Amino acid sequence: MAQTDERPLWFKARRYGWGWTPASPEGWIVTIVAGVALLAGNYLIAILGGPSGEIRSVDDLMPRLSPSVVLVAVIVWNTLVLIPTIWICWKTGERPRWNWGGRGRRGSTPPDRGASS
């Protein structure tokens, strides 16, 4: 007999729109870690991209980035965080699809607003 590998979902399809929402503690951990990584990395890039001034603290000793390097750093950092996060969501969650909030009618089409009865 074939054995089914039913693992609990970490992410479920969103009720409205396209994408995922955390459905388990593991899903929340992935979401929180990704959010903290995005905030911390972008904050550090902003600090390194700030103007250099007088040396008043250890932060002022850090090298400063040019504006074009800051833009590239933000794009690269966000990509390095989001690609693995999306891959984890894809592997451990429901397949995303457009949902319009109908209970028990996942993937249903939106109501026709122009039709009259």
Protein backbone atom coordinates (compact mmCIF):
# COMPACT_ATOMS: atom_id res chain seq x y z
CA MET A 1 0.00 0.00 0.00
CA ALA A 2 1.28 3.49 -0.81
CA GLN A 3 2.08 5.62 2.19
CA THR A 4 1.06 9.27 1.98
CA ASP A 5 3.37 11.86 3.46
CA GLU A 6 0.89 14.33 4.96
CA ARG A 7 2.92 17.01 6.70
CA PRO A 8 1.22 19.97 8.35
CA LEU A 9 1.22 23.15 6.29
CA TRP A 10 3.48 25.97 7.46
CA PHE A 11 1.69 28.44 5.17
CA LYS A 12 -1.85 28.50 3.80
CA ALA A 13 -3.14 30.37 0.79
CA ARG A 14 -4.36 33.87 1.64
CA ARG A 15 -8.09 34.39 1.95
CA TYR A 16 -7.97 37.56 -0.17
CA GLY A 17 -5.53 38.12 -3.01
CA TRP A 18 -2.50 36.01 -3.93
CA GLY A 19 0.17 34.61 -1.63
CA TRP A 20 0.56 32.96 1.75
CA THR A 21 -0.11 33.56 5.41
CA PRO A 22 1.58 31.66 8.27
CA ALA A 23 -0.48 28.68 9.49
CA SER A 24 1.85 27.11 12.06
CA PRO A 25 4.55 28.09 14.55
CA GLU A 26 7.19 27.19 11.97
CA GLY A 27 5.55 29.49 9.44
CA TRP A 28 5.53 32.35 11.96
CA ILE A 29 9.21 31.74 12.75
CA VAL A 30 10.12 31.91 9.04
CA THR A 31 8.05 35.09 8.64
CA ILE A 32 9.57 36.80 11.69
CA VAL A 33 13.16 35.80 10.80
CA ALA A 34 12.70 37.10 7.23
CA GLY A 35 11.19 40.36 8.49
CA VAL A 36 13.97 40.93 11.02
CA ALA A 37 16.64 40.09 8.42
CA LEU A 38 15.12 42.58 5.95
CA LEU A 39 14.85 45.35 8.54
CA ALA A 40 18.32 44.80 10.04
CA GLY A 41 20.08 44.48 6.69
CA ASN A 42 18.41 47.52 5.18
CA TYR A 43 19.10 49.52 8.36
CA LEU A 44 22.79 48.59 8.22
CA ILE A 45 22.95 49.54 4.54
CA ALA A 46 21.31 52.90 5.38
CA ILE A 47 23.88 53.49 8.15
CA LEU A 48 26.74 52.66 5.78
CA GLY A 49 25.23 54.92 3.12
CA GLY A 50 24.93 57.90 5.46
CA PRO A 51 27.22 60.92 5.24
CA SER A 52 30.57 60.70 6.94
CA GLY A 53 31.21 63.38 9.52
CA GLU A 54 33.27 63.85 12.62
CA ILE A 55 34.41 60.74 14.42
CA ARG A 56 32.22 60.61 17.53
CA SER A 57 31.58 56.89 17.81
CA VAL A 58 32.73 53.54 16.47
CA ASP A 59 30.00 53.75 13.80
CA ASP A 60 31.78 56.76 12.31
CA LEU A 61 34.85 54.62 11.67
CA MET A 62 32.94 52.31 9.33
CA PRO A 63 33.45 52.80 5.59
CA ARG A 64 30.74 54.75 3.76
CA LEU A 65 29.04 53.57 0.57
CA SER A 66 28.28 55.66 -2.47
CA PRO A 67 24.58 56.10 -3.43
CA SER A 68 24.86 53.73 -6.41
CA VAL A 69 26.46 51.04 -4.23
CA VAL A 70 23.70 51.53 -1.63
CA LEU A 71 21.04 50.86 -4.27
CA VAL A 72 22.80 47.70 -5.46
CA ALA A 73 23.33 46.55 -1.85
CA VAL A 74 19.63 46.97 -1.02
CA ILE A 75 18.55 45.03 -4.12
CA VAL A 76 21.06 42.24 -3.49
CA TRP A 77 20.25 41.96 0.24
CA ASN A 78 16.49 41.89 -0.30
CA THR A 79 16.90 39.27 -3.03
CA LEU A 80 19.13 37.11 -0.79
CA VAL A 81 16.47 37.19 1.94
CA LEU A 82 13.29 36.94 -0.13
CA ILE A 83 14.22 34.19 -2.62
CA PRO A 84 14.86 31.56 0.12
CA THR A 85 11.77 32.76 2.02
CA ILE A 86 9.55 32.34 -1.05
CA TRP A 87 11.10 28.92 -1.71
CA ILE A 88 10.30 27.83 1.89
CA CYS A 89 6.72 29.09 1.50
CA TRP A 90 6.37 27.19 -1.78
CA LYS A 91 7.74 23.92 -0.36
CA THR A 92 5.84 23.97 2.96
CA GLY A 93 2.55 25.66 2.02
CA GLU A 94 -0.48 25.43 -0.18
CA ARG A 95 -0.08 26.47 -3.79
CA PRO A 96 -0.88 30.18 -4.01
CA ARG A 97 -3.79 31.28 -6.15
CA TRP A 98 -6.14 34.24 -6.38
CA ASN A 99 -8.78 34.10 -3.68
CA TRP A 100 -11.67 36.47 -3.18
CA GLY A 101 -12.67 35.60 0.39
CA GLY A 102 -15.54 33.21 -0.24
CA ARG A 103 -15.80 30.69 2.58
CA GLY A 104 -15.23 27.21 1.25
CA ARG A 105 -14.89 28.62 -2.26
CA ARG A 106 -11.15 28.98 -2.60
CA GLY A 107 -10.13 30.30 -5.96
CA SER A 108 -13.64 31.51 -6.73
CA THR A 109 -14.04 34.32 -9.18
CA PRO A 110 -15.02 37.80 -8.03
CA PRO A 111 -18.69 38.74 -8.29
CA ASP A 112 -19.81 40.44 -11.47
CA ARG A 113 -20.42 44.02 -10.33
CA GLY A 114 -21.88 45.26 -13.61
CA ALA A 115 -24.70 42.72 -13.97
CA SER A 116 -28.21 43.50 -12.85
CA SER A 117 -30.73 40.89 -11.78
